[in-house]
Amino acid sequence: ITVRDALNSALDEEMSADPSVFLMGEEVGEYQGAYKITKGLLDKYGPDRVLDTPITEAGFTGIGVGAAYQGLRPVIEFMTFNFSMQ
């Protein structure tokens, strides 16, 4: 199994088990992620739980923190790690 497939499987498993889990990031929906980690998740869980965001890492990170404070379980995907350090 590839790392990509393992990550996709883990996301699918958690989203299936818990309706409060959602995924957001740049191109995670229609494009299925820069590295195709989110392949098939938009079709399976819909746009309410797989959210494409604009190119604003600080913005969707803040949304994720706020969602977690409210009891949701956000998964935030950064296209590349260096954007998380800004």
C-alpha atoms as a PDB file:
ATOM      1  CA  ILE A   1       0.000   0.000   0.000  1.00  0.00           C
ATOM      2  CA  THR A   2       1.290   3.461  -0.816  1.00  0.00           C
ATOM      3  CA  VAL A   3       1.353   6.343   1.642  1.00  0.00           C
ATOM      4  CA  ARG A   4      -1.199   8.098  -0.586  1.00  0.00           C
ATOM      5  CA  ASP A   5      -3.576   5.141  -0.392  1.00  0.00           C
ATOM      6  CA  ALA A   6      -3.077   4.797   3.364  1.00  0.00           C
ATOM      7  CA  LEU A   7      -3.913   8.469   3.933  1.00  0.00           C
ATOM      8  CA  ASN A   8      -6.967   8.250   1.681  1.00  0.00           C
ATOM      9  CA  SER A   9      -8.144   5.123   3.476  1.00  0.00           C
ATOM     10  CA  ALA A  10      -7.663   6.736   6.900  1.00  0.00           C
ATOM     11  CA  LEU A  11      -9.626   9.832   5.858  1.00  0.00           C
ATOM     12  CA  ASP A  12     -12.397   7.667   4.423  1.00  0.00           C
ATOM     13  CA  GLU A  13     -12.539   5.530   7.570  1.00  0.00           C
ATOM     14  CA  GLU A  14     -12.779   8.520   9.915  1.00  0.00           C
ATOM     15  CA  MET A  15     -15.316  10.362   7.756  1.00  0.00           C
ATOM     16  CA  SER A  16     -17.425   7.216   7.555  1.00  0.00           C
ATOM     17  CA  ALA A  17     -17.301   6.641  11.315  1.00  0.00           C
ATOM     18  CA  ASP A  18     -17.935  10.223  12.447  1.00  0.00           C
ATOM     19  CA  PRO A  19     -20.184  12.743  10.660  1.00  0.00           C
ATOM     20  CA  SER A  20     -18.440  15.617  12.459  1.00  0.00           C
ATOM     21  CA  VAL A  21     -15.209  14.952  10.515  1.00  0.00           C
ATOM     22  CA  PHE A  22     -14.778  17.152   7.473  1.00  0.00           C
ATOM     23  CA  LEU A  23     -11.923  17.977   5.123  1.00  0.00           C
ATOM     24  CA  MET A  24     -10.888  21.343   3.766  1.00  0.00           C
ATOM     25  CA  GLY A  25      -8.002  22.684   1.727  1.00  0.00           C
ATOM     26  CA  GLU A  26      -6.946  23.909  -1.678  1.00  0.00           C
ATOM     27  CA  GLU A  27      -8.246  21.682  -4.471  1.00  0.00           C
ATOM     28  CA  VAL A  28      -9.182  18.781  -2.155  1.00  0.00           C
ATOM     29  CA  GLY A  29     -12.606  18.390  -3.781  1.00  0.00           C
ATOM     30  CA  GLU A  30     -12.939  18.746  -7.540  1.00  0.00           C
ATOM     31  CA  TYR A  31      -9.225  18.230  -8.240  1.00  0.00           C
ATOM     32  CA  GLN A  32      -8.985  15.516  -5.530  1.00  0.00           C
ATOM     33  CA  GLY A  33      -5.907  17.003  -3.892  1.00  0.00           C
ATOM     34  CA  ALA A  34      -2.547  17.991  -5.306  1.00  0.00           C
ATOM     35  CA  TYR A  35      -1.257  14.466  -4.708  1.00  0.00           C
ATOM     36  CA  LYS A  36      -4.657  12.735  -5.136  1.00  0.00           C
ATOM     37  CA  ILE A  37      -4.890  11.887  -1.429  1.00  0.00           C
ATOM     38  CA  THR A  38      -8.553  12.929  -1.335  1.00  0.00           C
ATOM     39  CA  LYS A  39      -9.523  10.931  -4.437  1.00  0.00           C
ATOM     40  CA  GLY A  40     -13.174   9.875  -4.327  1.00  0.00           C
ATOM     41  CA  LEU A  41     -14.033  11.630  -1.065  1.00  0.00           C
ATOM     42  CA  LEU A  42     -16.038  14.469  -2.642  1.00  0.00           C
ATOM     43  CA  ASP A  43     -18.203  11.974  -4.529  1.00  0.00           C
ATOM     44  CA  LYS A  44     -18.748   9.886  -1.400  1.00  0.00           C
ATOM     45  CA  TYR A  45     -19.270  12.610   1.240  1.00  0.00           C
ATOM     46  CA  GLY A  46     -20.352  15.628  -0.788  1.00  0.00           C
ATOM     47  CA  PRO A  47     -19.401  19.302  -0.774  1.00  0.00           C
ATOM     48  CA  ASP A  48     -20.624  19.881   2.794  1.00  0.00           C
ATOM     49  CA  ARG A  49     -17.816  17.681   4.141  1.00  0.00           C
ATOM     50  CA  VAL A  50     -15.115  18.072   1.465  1.00  0.00           C
ATOM     51  CA  LEU A  51     -14.515  21.784   1.026  1.00  0.00           C
ATOM     52  CA  ASP A  52     -12.320  23.451  -1.549  1.00  0.00           C
ATOM     53  CA  THR A  53     -10.840  26.650  -0.148  1.00  0.00           C
ATOM     54  CA  PRO A  54      -9.261  29.721  -1.686  1.00  0.00           C
ATOM     55  CA  ILE A  55      -5.485  30.115  -1.542  1.00  0.00           C
ATOM     56  CA  THR A  56      -5.355  31.476   1.998  1.00  0.00           C
ATOM     57  CA  GLU A  57      -3.743  29.024   4.372  1.00  0.00           C
ATOM     58  CA  ALA A  58      -4.078  31.289   7.414  1.00  0.00           C
ATOM     59  CA  GLY A  59      -7.765  31.771   6.645  1.00  0.00           C
ATOM     60  CA  PHE A  60      -8.776  28.139   6.405  1.00  0.00           C
ATOM     61  CA  THR A  61      -6.540  27.247   9.332  1.00  0.00           C
ATOM     62  CA  GLY A  62      -8.528  29.738  11.407  1.00  0.00           C
ATOM     63  CA  ILE A  63     -11.787  28.244  10.185  1.00  0.00           C
ATOM     64  CA  GLY A  64     -10.528  24.800  11.188  1.00  0.00           C
ATOM     65  CA  VAL A  65      -9.568  25.985  14.677  1.00  0.00           C
ATOM     66  CA  GLY A  66     -12.974  27.608  15.125  1.00  0.00           C
ATOM     67  CA  ALA A  67     -14.744  24.469  13.921  1.00  0.00           C
ATOM     68  CA  ALA A  68     -12.772  22.363  16.401  1.00  0.00           C
ATOM     69  CA  TYR A  69     -13.732  24.726  19.220  1.00  0.00           C
ATOM     70  CA  GLN A  70     -17.359  24.068  18.283  1.00  0.00           C
ATOM     71  CA  GLY A  71     -16.963  20.287  18.483  1.00  0.00           C
ATOM     72  CA  LEU A  72     -16.373  19.452  14.837  1.00  0.00           C
ATOM     73  CA  ARG A  73     -13.350  17.449  13.694  1.00  0.00           C
ATOM     74  CA  PRO A  74     -11.726  19.313  10.809  1.00  0.00           C
ATOM     75  CA  VAL A  75      -8.919  17.872   8.728  1.00  0.00           C
ATOM     76  CA  ILE A  76      -6.963  20.697   7.121  1.00  0.00           C
ATOM     77  CA  GLU A  77      -4.789  19.878   4.127  1.00  0.00           C
ATOM     78  CA  PHE A  78      -1.931  22.154   3.170  1.00  0.00           C
ATOM     79  CA  MET A  79      -0.735  21.617  -0.377  1.00  0.00           C
ATOM     80  CA  THR A  80       2.877  21.884   0.842  1.00  0.00           C
ATOM     81  CA  PHE A  81       4.268  21.946   4.371  1.00  0.00           C
ATOM     82  CA  ASN A  82       6.101  25.263   4.033  1.00  0.00           C
ATOM     83  CA  PHE A  83       2.789  27.124   3.847  1.00  0.00           C
ATOM     84  CA  SER A  84       1.950  25.948   7.361  1.00  0.00           C
ATOM     85  CA  MET A  85       4.965  27.807   8.736  1.00  0.00           C
ATOM     86  CA  GLN A  86       3.821  31.299   7.706  1.00  0.00           C
END
